Amino acid sequence: MYSLLFLYLLFSSLFVLALYRTFFHPLHKYPGPILAALTNWYEVYYNIVKGGGLIAEIERLHKLHGPVIRIGPNTLHFNYRQAYHDIYTYGSTLVKDHEFYSAMGAHARQGSLIFCDPEVAKQRRGLLQPLFSRKAVMSLEYTIQQKVSLLTVLKSNYNSPSATVSMAVAYRALTMDIITSYCFAESPNTLESPGFSHPVLKGTHESITKLWFERHFPFLVGFAFYGPPTLISWLLPSYLRMLKLGWERQIDSLINNPETLSMAEHETVFHHLLEPKDQERPSRSSLVDEAFVLVGAGSDTVGNACHIGTFYALKYPSINKKLKEELEEVWIDKDRPMSYTILEKLPYLTAFIKEVLQFSMGVVHPLPRVVGPSTPEIGGFKIPSGTTVGMSVMYLHMNPEVFPDPYTFNPDRWLVEDTNQIMFDLAPFSKGPRICLAWCELYLIFGNIFRRLDLQLLITEDT
């Protein structure tokens, strides 16, 4: 009797909810699949069952329905440039979607990735921003040069036609060592691991493949971190390795022996986090979580950009030739390091890097923001307060009105007299200020790779 009543009430509630979302919800006038309007499981299906296929589905929906589509019960997606700039420029009037960011950052709940309160985010940003300024990066140039020089051992280890190496893995080893050196003044030395097979690299790769499960089932991460060790190893072995291999140990060492900071070769991120000037020091848990955020973001984005850039430079001999000729002209002795300040003045190398950043978009999944009561129009539409909105950066970078023939890799597009508009629409690191560390890494890595090495592209079925 009671079970039947419960089922009746349950199905009645679901029916009323479906009716409301379909015909009476504030977003009911926006086009999109009926299933997307009814349930968030529409996104779950494409992200997990279709292996991250939401972006492809969004593209299909825009072709069918136009520039604004409904992709969730309370979510809109846009596909034109003005909407992107509106969504990601209005600051505190549009805040991060807490549900999305707390899930994506479930492994680092006290890291800046998931700070949705603008004031809290501003405080942490105030601690970190000086470390990513041009001045701070210039002081790190020697360390970056040292790490890049280690990568050039490819010349001695892979110098025969039959010797091959995955540059994707090699670049991630390089960027991992750079960002960990910047955080802690020491690194796991993944570059020196035979075949770049260091467990940290494997762990990072495994964690990325599990992001969709973390996004939609964040409670699994809670089980993994706070359950028994056997459960941790079974659910998220990559996180176990990463924790054991260093983040907690290094942070505990810095907390217990703060004098070691003064002995570091260069200023680190944790100089500022452990000894903040105008606010209380973050907790140990927050420091560990921040390490996850910084190392994950700092290694993957630049490593991916280097991989994409190298592929296109080797695919098109004319691009490779121009890069080498420009570098040879200013870099006479290739066995001596070339400074970042000289490399950043080279016009073709600069154009090449900007084109690389257009193609390597970082996070292509739309980063959701929640409309506030004072949010102005978004792309010409007055969106109801409380609505979640987003736009994949893919639609910004592949906009033919700004980037003619956008799917053709063409550094020459950046050599025109006025690049203000296309620079405004270049957002590989979202709409925040450009990260000087990433730019410095790209100049030094590409400069050394194309001046000191002679790489050839191995064509395989996966290429």
Protein backbone atom coordinates (compact mmCIF):
# COMPACT_ATOMS: atom_id res chain seq x y z
CA MET A 1 0.00 0.00 0.00
CA TYR A 2 2.64 2.53 1.08
CA SER A 3 5.03 1.42 -1.64
CA LEU A 4 2.34 1.97 -4.29
CA LEU A 5 1.59 5.40 -2.88
CA PHE A 6 5.29 6.23 -2.90
CA LEU A 7 5.61 5.16 -6.55
CA TYR A 8 2.54 7.16 -7.49
CA LEU A 9 3.89 10.31 -5.83
CA LEU A 10 7.31 9.75 -7.38
CA PHE A 11 6.02 9.39 -10.93
CA SER A 12 3.58 12.27 -10.43
CA SER A 13 6.44 14.52 -9.31
CA LEU A 14 8.56 13.49 -12.26
CA PHE A 15 5.67 14.14 -14.64
CA VAL A 16 5.04 17.62 -13.21
CA LEU A 17 8.77 18.41 -13.35
CA ALA A 18 8.97 17.27 -16.98
CA LEU A 19 5.90 19.35 -17.83
CA TYR A 20 7.40 22.43 -16.18
CA ARG A 21 10.81 22.09 -17.84
CA THR A 22 9.26 21.54 -21.26
CA PHE A 23 6.55 24.21 -21.34
CA PHE A 24 6.92 26.65 -18.43
CA HIS A 25 10.62 26.92 -17.58
CA PRO A 26 12.15 30.39 -18.32
CA LEU A 27 14.32 28.72 -21.00
CA HIS A 28 11.49 26.83 -22.72
CA LYS A 29 11.60 29.16 -25.75
CA TYR A 30 15.22 28.26 -26.57
CA PRO A 31 15.63 25.38 -29.03
CA GLY A 32 17.31 22.09 -28.21
CA PRO A 33 16.64 18.37 -27.71
CA ILE A 34 13.68 17.55 -25.48
CA LEU A 35 15.88 15.17 -23.46
CA ALA A 36 18.35 17.97 -22.75
CA ALA A 37 15.50 20.12 -21.46
CA LEU A 38 14.28 17.28 -19.24
CA THR A 39 17.48 16.00 -17.64
CA ASN A 40 21.19 16.61 -17.13
CA TRP A 41 21.75 12.96 -18.00
CA TYR A 42 21.83 14.12 -21.61
CA GLU A 43 25.29 15.59 -20.91
CA VAL A 44 26.32 12.51 -18.93
CA TYR A 45 25.49 10.29 -21.90
CA TYR A 46 27.66 12.22 -24.36
CA ASN A 47 30.56 12.75 -21.96
CA ILE A 48 30.80 9.19 -20.65
CA VAL A 49 29.08 6.82 -23.07
CA LYS A 50 30.26 8.78 -26.12
CA GLY A 51 33.70 9.47 -24.63
CA GLY A 52 33.63 13.26 -24.37
CA GLY A 53 31.35 13.67 -27.37
CA LEU A 54 29.39 16.61 -25.97
CA ILE A 55 31.28 19.16 -28.09
CA ALA A 56 30.49 17.28 -31.29
CA GLU A 57 26.84 17.09 -30.26
CA ILE A 58 26.75 20.81 -29.44
CA GLU A 59 28.17 21.57 -32.88
CA ARG A 60 25.46 19.45 -34.50
CA LEU A 61 22.76 21.19 -32.47
CA HIS A 62 23.99 24.67 -33.44
CA LYS A 63 23.82 23.70 -37.11
CA LEU A 64 20.23 22.60 -36.58
CA HIS A 65 18.92 25.29 -34.25
CA GLY A 66 21.09 28.39 -34.57
CA PRO A 67 23.40 30.43 -32.33
CA VAL A 68 21.75 29.80 -28.94
CA ILE A 69 20.71 26.31 -27.82
CA ARG A 70 19.46 24.69 -24.65
CA ILE A 71 21.75 21.82 -23.64
CA GLY A 72 20.41 21.22 -20.13
CA PRO A 73 17.32 21.96 -18.05
CA ASN A 74 18.84 25.29 -16.99
CA THR A 75 21.78 25.62 -19.41
CA LEU A 76 22.31 27.59 -22.61
CA HIS A 77 25.22 27.37 -25.03
CA PHE A 78 26.25 30.09 -27.49
CA ASN A 79 28.45 29.90 -30.58
CA TYR A 80 29.38 33.47 -31.54
CA ARG A 81 32.18 35.75 -30.44
CA GLN A 82 30.23 38.54 -28.72
CA ALA A 83 28.56 36.02 -26.44
CA TYR A 84 31.94 34.56 -25.46
CA HIS A 85 33.35 37.94 -24.50
CA ASP A 86 30.19 38.82 -22.59
CA ILE A 87 30.15 35.56 -20.63
CA TYR A 88 33.79 35.56 -19.60
CA THR A 89 34.37 39.30 -19.13
CA TYR A 90 31.60 40.41 -16.79
CA GLY A 91 33.47 39.28 -13.69
CA SER A 92 31.43 39.18 -10.51
CA THR A 93 28.07 39.50 -12.29
CA LEU A 94 28.58 36.01 -13.73
CA VAL A 95 30.09 33.55 -11.29
CA LYS A 96 31.43 30.04 -11.81
CA ASP A 97 28.85 27.26 -11.70
CA HIS A 98 29.53 25.65 -8.33
CA GLU A 99 28.13 22.25 -9.29
CA PHE A 100 30.44 21.95 -12.30
CA TYR A 101 33.64 23.24 -10.69
CA SER A 102 33.23 21.40 -7.40
CA ALA A 103 32.85 18.18 -9.41
CA MET A 104 35.77 18.85 -11.78
CA GLY A 105 37.90 19.81 -8.81
CA ALA A 106 36.70 17.06 -6.50
CA HIS A 107 40.30 15.91 -6.05
CA ALA A 108 41.34 19.45 -5.03
CA ARG A 109 38.39 20.93 -3.19
CA GLN A 110 40.43 23.72 -1.61
CA GLY A 111 42.36 24.65 -4.73
CA SER A 112 41.70 27.85 -6.65
CA LEU A 113 40.15 25.92 -9.55
CA ILE A 114 36.84 25.57 -7.73
CA PHE A 115 36.68 28.93 -5.96
CA CYS A 116 33.32 30.26 -7.13
CA ASP A 117 33.04 33.17 -4.71
CA PRO A 118 34.63 36.13 -6.56
CA GLU A 119 36.12 37.56 -3.37
CA VAL A 120 37.72 34.27 -2.31
CA ALA A 121 39.05 33.74 -5.83
CA LYS A 122 40.41 37.29 -5.87
CA GLN A 123 42.35 36.70 -2.64
CA ARG A 124 44.01 33.53 -3.94
CA ARG A 125 44.67 35.16 -7.30
CA GLY A 126 46.35 38.02 -5.45
CA LEU A 127 48.76 35.51 -3.90
CA LEU A 128 49.53 33.72 -7.16
CA GLN A 129 49.52 36.51 -9.74
CA PRO A 130 52.92 38.01 -8.85
CA LEU A 131 54.51 34.61 -9.47
CA PHE A 132 53.27 34.57 -13.05
CA SER A 133 54.27 38.13 -13.89
CA ARG A 134 56.88 38.83 -16.52
CA LYS A 135 59.42 39.81 -13.87
CA ALA A 136 58.97 36.56 -11.97
CA VAL A 137 59.14 34.47 -15.13
CA MET A 138 62.34 36.19 -16.26
CA SER A 139 63.96 35.12 -12.99
CA LEU A 140 63.00 31.54 -13.80
CA GLU A 141 64.45 31.56 -17.31
CA TYR A 142 67.65 29.80 -16.27
CA THR A 143 65.67 26.91 -14.76
CA ILE A 144 63.53 26.58 -17.90
CA GLN A 145 66.65 26.63 -20.05
CA GLN A 146 68.15 23.82 -17.98
CA LYS A 147 65.06 21.65 -18.39
CA VAL A 148 64.77 22.35 -22.12
CA SER A 149 68.43 21.41 -22.55
CA LEU A 150 67.67 18.02 -21.01
CA LEU A 151 65.02 17.45 -23.68
CA THR A 152 67.57 17.97 -26.41
CA VAL A 153 69.17 14.66 -25.39
CA LEU A 154 66.70 13.31 -27.91
CA LYS A 155 69.47 14.02 -30.39
CA SER A 156 71.76 11.40 -28.87
CA ASN A 157 69.15 8.87 -27.79
CA TYR A 158 67.00 8.86 -30.92
CA ASN A 159 69.48 9.54 -33.72
CA SER A 160 68.74 6.64 -36.05
CA PRO A 161 65.90 6.25 -38.59
CA SER A 162 64.48 3.35 -36.58
CA ALA A 163 64.49 5.24 -33.27
CA THR A 164 61.17 6.92 -32.50
CA VAL A 165 59.76 8.82 -29.56
CA SER A 166 56.34 10.14 -28.65
CA MET A 167 56.82 13.90 -28.51
CA ALA A 168 53.49 14.22 -26.70
CA VAL A 169 54.94 12.30 -23.74
CA ALA A 170 58.33 14.00 -24.00
CA TYR A 171 56.78 17.46 -23.88
CA ARG A 172 54.62 16.57 -20.90
CA ALA A 173 57.72 15.33 -19.09
CA LEU A 174 59.39 18.67 -19.81
CA THR A 175 56.47 20.84 -18.73
CA MET A 176 55.90 18.69 -15.65
CA ASP A 177 59.49 19.24 -14.53
CA ILE A 178 59.24 22.98 -15.21
CA ILE A 179 56.02 23.60 -13.28
CA THR A 180 57.07 21.44 -10.31
CA SER A 181 60.38 23.29 -10.17
CA TYR A 182 58.44 26.54 -10.15
CA CYS A 183 56.19 25.34 -7.34
CA PHE A 184 58.71 23.59 -5.11
CA ALA A 185 62.22 24.41 -6.41
CA GLU A 186 62.57 20.69 -7.10
CA SER A 187 61.00 18.32 -9.61
CA PRO A 188 60.42 14.57 -10.05
CA ASN A 189 62.92 14.66 -12.96
CA THR A 190 60.55 12.91 -15.33
CA LEU A 191 62.81 13.92 -18.24
CA GLU A 192 65.49 11.57 -16.96
CA SER A 193 63.17 8.58 -16.74
CA PRO A 194 63.92 6.01 -19.51
CA GLY A 195 61.42 6.43 -22.31
CA PHE A 196 59.69 9.17 -20.28
CA SER A 197 57.92 6.44 -18.32
CA HIS A 198 57.91 8.15 -14.93
CA PRO A 199 54.89 7.16 -12.75
CA VAL A 200 53.92 10.83 -12.32
CA LEU A 201 53.36 11.15 -16.07
CA LYS A 202 51.35 7.94 -16.15
CA GLY A 203 49.35 9.05 -13.14
CA THR A 204 48.57 12.42 -14.69
CA HIS A 205 47.44 10.79 -17.93
CA GLU A 206 45.21 8.33 -16.07
CA SER A 207 43.65 11.14 -14.03
CA ILE A 208 42.75 13.04 -17.23
CA THR A 209 41.03 9.95 -18.66
CA LYS A 210 38.89 9.77 -15.51
CA LEU A 211 37.82 13.41 -15.54
CA TRP A 212 34.40 12.69 -16.99
CA PHE A 213 33.64 10.26 -14.18
CA GLU A 214 34.85 12.85 -11.69
CA ARG A 215 32.68 15.47 -13.38
CA HIS A 216 29.46 13.48 -13.10
CA PHE A 217 30.19 11.23 -10.10
CA PRO A 218 32.39 13.34 -7.79
CA PHE A 219 31.49 11.23 -4.78
CA LEU A 220 33.85 8.56 -6.16
CA VAL A 221 36.75 10.90 -5.46
CA GLY A 222 35.57 11.30 -1.87
CA PHE A 223 35.61 7.54 -1.45
CA ALA A 224 39.05 7.37 -3.01
CA PHE A 225 40.64 10.00 -0.79
CA TYR A 226 39.01 9.18 2.50
CA GLY A 227 38.49 5.43 2.20
CA PRO A 228 40.93 2.60 3.00
CA PRO A 229 44.14 2.40 0.91
CA THR A 230 42.93 -0.63 -1.02
CA LEU A 231 39.86 1.31 -2.13
CA ILE A 232 42.00 4.30 -3.11
CA SER A 233 44.23 2.11 -5.27
CA TRP A 234 41.24 0.44 -6.92
CA LEU A 235 39.28 3.61 -7.70
CA LEU A 236 41.96 6.16 -8.51
CA PRO A 237 45.43 4.61 -8.64
CA SER A 238 46.86 7.66 -10.41
CA TYR A 239 46.03 9.97 -7.51
CA LEU A 240 47.59 7.50 -5.06
CA ARG A 241 50.84 7.52 -7.03
CA MET A 242 50.87 11.28 -7.34
CA LEU A 243 50.28 11.79 -3.62
CA LYS A 244 52.90 9.23 -2.66
CA LEU A 245 55.37 10.61 -5.17
CA GLY A 246 55.53 13.99 -3.72
CA TRP A 247 52.94 16.71 -3.27
CA GLU A 248 52.14 16.11 0.39
CA ARG A 249 55.74 15.24 1.25
CA GLN A 250 57.09 18.38 -0.37
CA ILE A 251 54.52 20.66 1.22
CA ASP A 252 55.00 19.10 4.66
CA SER A 253 58.74 19.63 4.26
CA LEU A 254 58.24 23.28 3.40
CA ILE A 255 55.83 23.84 6.30
CA ASN A 256 58.10 22.11 8.83
CA ASN A 257 61.31 23.64 7.48
CA PRO A 258 60.44 27.09 6.14
CA GLU A 259 64.10 28.04 6.12
CA THR A 260 64.55 25.80 3.06
CA LEU A 261 62.69 28.41 1.01
CA SER A 262 65.57 30.83 1.48
CA MET A 263 67.95 28.21 0.09
CA ALA A 264 65.99 27.72 -3.15
CA GLU A 265 67.71 28.71 -6.41
CA HIS A 266 64.75 30.88 -7.36
CA GLU A 267 61.51 32.20 -5.95
CA THR A 268 58.73 29.61 -6.00
CA VAL A 269 54.95 29.66 -5.91
CA PHE A 270 55.06 28.38 -2.35
CA HIS A 271 57.21 31.29 -1.20
CA HIS A 272 54.06 33.36 -1.58
CA LEU A 273 51.54 30.77 -0.44
CA LEU A 274 53.43 29.91 2.75
CA GLU A 275 54.36 33.48 3.64
CA PRO A 276 51.49 35.70 2.41
CA LYS A 277 51.88 39.37 3.20
CA ASP A 278 48.32 40.58 3.71
CA GLN A 279 46.27 37.47 4.51
CA GLU A 280 46.31 34.28 6.53
CA ARG A 281 48.34 31.36 5.23
CA PRO A 282 46.23 28.71 3.46
CA SER A 283 45.75 25.46 5.34
CA ARG A 284 47.85 22.40 4.60
CA SER A 285 44.94 20.82 2.71
CA SER A 286 44.53 23.94 0.61
CA LEU A 287 48.24 23.98 -0.20
CA VAL A 288 48.14 20.35 -1.34
CA ASP A 289 45.04 21.02 -3.44
CA GLU A 290 46.65 24.09 -4.98
CA ALA A 291 49.62 21.94 -5.96
CA PHE A 292 47.26 19.60 -7.82
CA VAL A 293 45.72 22.54 -9.65
CA LEU A 294 49.00 24.22 -10.59
CA VAL A 295 50.82 21.06 -11.65
CA GLY A 296 47.89 19.69 -13.62
CA ALA A 297 47.11 22.89 -15.49
CA GLY A 298 50.72 23.98 -15.86
CA SER A 299 51.91 20.76 -17.45
CA ASP A 300 49.02 19.75 -19.69
CA THR A 301 48.21 23.00 -21.50
CA VAL A 302 51.76 23.88 -22.56
CA GLY A 303 52.68 20.25 -23.26
CA ASN A 304 49.68 19.90 -25.56
CA ALA A 305 50.54 23.15 -27.37
CA CYS A 306 54.12 21.97 -27.97
CA HIS A 307 52.91 18.66 -29.35
CA ILE A 308 50.46 20.32 -31.76
CA GLY A 309 53.02 22.91 -32.89
CA THR A 310 55.69 20.29 -33.58
CA PHE A 311 53.24 18.18 -35.56
CA TYR A 312 52.26 21.01 -37.89
CA ALA A 313 55.82 22.27 -38.29
CA LEU A 314 56.93 18.80 -39.38
CA LYS A 315 53.85 18.22 -41.51
CA TYR A 316 54.48 21.38 -43.55
CA PRO A 317 58.16 21.63 -44.63
CA SER A 318 57.76 25.28 -45.61
CA ILE A 319 56.86 26.20 -42.01
CA ASN A 320 59.75 24.14 -40.64
CA LYS A 321 62.14 25.79 -43.10
CA LYS A 322 61.06 29.33 -42.16
CA LEU A 323 61.45 28.60 -38.46
CA LYS A 324 64.91 27.15 -38.87
CA GLU A 325 66.13 29.96 -41.13
CA GLU A 326 64.92 32.68 -38.76
CA LEU A 327 66.48 30.96 -35.75
CA GLU A 328 69.80 30.29 -37.52
CA GLU A 329 70.09 33.97 -38.44
CA VAL A 330 70.11 35.17 -34.81
CA TRP A 331 71.30 32.02 -33.08
CA ILE A 332 74.77 31.48 -34.50
CA ASP A 333 76.13 29.01 -31.94
CA LYS A 334 73.32 26.54 -31.28
CA ASP A 335 75.22 24.98 -28.37
CA ARG A 336 74.89 28.20 -26.39
CA PRO A 337 71.49 29.11 -24.88
CA MET A 338 69.46 31.86 -26.51
CA SER A 339 67.60 34.28 -24.26
CA TYR A 340 63.85 34.57 -24.13
CA THR A 341 64.02 38.34 -24.75
CA ILE A 342 65.67 37.74 -28.15
CA LEU A 343 63.40 34.85 -29.16
CA GLU A 344 60.21 36.78 -28.41
CA LYS A 345 61.25 39.44 -30.93
CA LEU A 346 61.44 36.98 -33.84
CA PRO A 347 58.40 37.68 -36.04
CA TYR A 348 57.90 34.26 -37.61
CA LEU A 349 58.48 32.31 -34.39
CA THR A 350 55.98 34.62 -32.68
CA ALA A 351 53.43 34.13 -35.47
CA PHE A 352 53.97 30.37 -35.27
CA ILE A 353 53.37 30.31 -31.50
CA LYS A 354 50.18 32.36 -31.83
CA GLU A 355 48.90 29.98 -34.49
CA VAL A 356 49.75 27.05 -32.24
CA LEU A 357 47.71 28.64 -29.45
CA GLN A 358 44.79 29.11 -31.82
CA PHE A 359 44.80 25.37 -32.50
CA SER A 360 45.61 24.18 -28.96
CA MET A 361 42.62 25.58 -27.13
CA GLY A 362 43.24 24.21 -23.67
CA VAL A 363 39.83 23.27 -22.26
CA VAL A 364 37.32 22.97 -25.12
CA HIS A 365 34.43 21.96 -22.86
CA PRO A 366 32.29 25.04 -22.14
CA LEU A 367 33.18 26.53 -18.76
CA PRO A 368 29.80 27.34 -17.20
CA ARG A 369 28.92 30.63 -15.58
CA VAL A 370 25.75 31.54 -13.69
CA VAL A 371 23.90 34.69 -14.70
CA GLY A 372 23.36 37.17 -11.87
CA PRO A 373 20.59 39.74 -11.41
CA SER A 374 22.89 42.55 -12.59
CA THR A 375 24.38 40.72 -15.58
CA PRO A 376 24.04 42.78 -18.78
CA GLU A 377 22.87 41.22 -22.03
CA ILE A 378 24.79 38.21 -23.31
CA GLY A 379 25.25 38.27 -27.05
CA GLY A 380 22.25 40.55 -27.40
CA PHE A 381 19.96 38.44 -25.18
CA LYS A 382 18.69 39.28 -21.71
CA ILE A 383 19.13 35.95 -19.96
CA PRO A 384 17.09 35.10 -16.82
CA SER A 385 19.01 35.34 -13.57
CA GLY A 386 20.19 31.95 -12.32
CA THR A 387 20.65 30.52 -15.82
CA THR A 388 23.85 28.61 -16.51
CA VAL A 389 25.55 29.81 -19.69
CA GLY A 390 28.71 28.81 -21.49
CA MET A 391 30.54 28.69 -24.77
CA SER A 392 33.34 26.45 -25.97
CA VAL A 393 36.45 28.38 -26.93
CA MET A 394 36.45 26.29 -30.11
CA TYR A 395 33.79 28.59 -31.56
CA LEU A 396 35.96 31.61 -30.81
CA HIS A 397 39.17 30.20 -32.27
CA MET A 398 37.54 28.60 -35.31
CA ASN A 399 35.44 31.60 -36.28
CA PRO A 400 35.99 32.16 -40.05
CA GLU A 401 34.97 35.82 -39.74
CA VAL A 402 38.04 36.46 -37.57
CA PHE A 403 40.33 33.60 -38.64
CA PRO A 404 39.81 33.04 -42.39
CA ASP A 405 40.07 29.35 -43.30
CA PRO A 406 40.43 28.58 -39.56
CA TYR A 407 41.14 24.85 -39.89
CA THR A 408 44.25 25.47 -42.00
CA PHE A 409 47.40 25.91 -39.92
CA ASN A 410 48.76 29.21 -41.24
CA PRO A 411 51.20 31.31 -39.15
CA ASP A 412 51.19 33.97 -41.90
CA ARG A 413 47.78 35.18 -40.71
CA TRP A 414 49.62 36.76 -37.76
CA LEU A 415 52.13 38.66 -39.92
CA VAL A 416 49.67 41.29 -41.13
CA GLU A 417 50.01 44.90 -40.01
CA ASP A 418 47.05 44.95 -37.61
CA THR A 419 46.42 41.86 -35.46
CA ASN A 420 44.41 43.57 -32.70
CA GLN A 421 41.13 41.83 -33.52
CA ILE A 422 42.52 38.33 -33.83
CA MET A 423 44.60 38.82 -30.69
CA PHE A 424 41.45 39.87 -28.85
CA ASP A 425 39.83 36.60 -29.90
CA LEU A 426 42.83 34.46 -28.96
CA ALA A 427 41.93 32.95 -25.60
CA PRO A 428 43.88 29.70 -25.09
CA PHE A 429 43.92 30.32 -21.34
CA SER A 430 40.32 31.58 -21.21
CA LYS A 431 39.68 35.32 -20.80
CA GLY A 432 42.04 35.85 -17.89
CA PRO A 433 45.34 37.68 -18.27
CA ARG A 434 47.89 35.94 -20.44
CA ILE A 435 50.14 33.61 -18.43
CA CYS A 436 53.69 34.82 -18.95
CA LEU A 437 55.16 31.49 -17.85
CA ALA A 438 53.39 29.66 -20.70
CA TRP A 439 54.61 32.17 -23.30
CA CYS A 440 58.17 31.93 -22.00
CA GLU A 441 58.08 28.14 -22.11
CA LEU A 442 56.77 28.10 -25.66
CA TYR A 443 59.45 30.45 -26.97
CA LEU A 444 62.29 28.58 -25.27
CA ILE A 445 60.98 25.09 -26.14
CA PHE A 446 60.22 25.76 -29.80
CA GLY A 447 63.39 27.80 -30.21
CA ASN A 448 65.56 24.98 -28.89
CA ILE A 449 63.69 22.20 -30.68
CA PHE A 450 63.86 23.76 -34.13
CA ARG A 451 67.36 25.17 -33.78
CA ARG A 452 69.11 22.25 -32.10
CA LEU A 453 67.22 19.20 -33.34
CA ASP A 454 66.32 17.76 -36.73
CA LEU A 455 63.03 15.96 -36.19
CA GLN A 456 61.06 13.98 -38.73
CA LEU A 457 57.38 13.12 -38.61
CA LEU A 458 56.60 9.41 -38.45
CA ILE A 459 53.38 8.80 -40.33
CA THR A 460 51.24 6.10 -38.68
CA GLU A 461 47.58 5.13 -38.83
CA ASP A 462 46.95 7.31 -35.75
CA THR A 463 48.67 10.41 -37.16
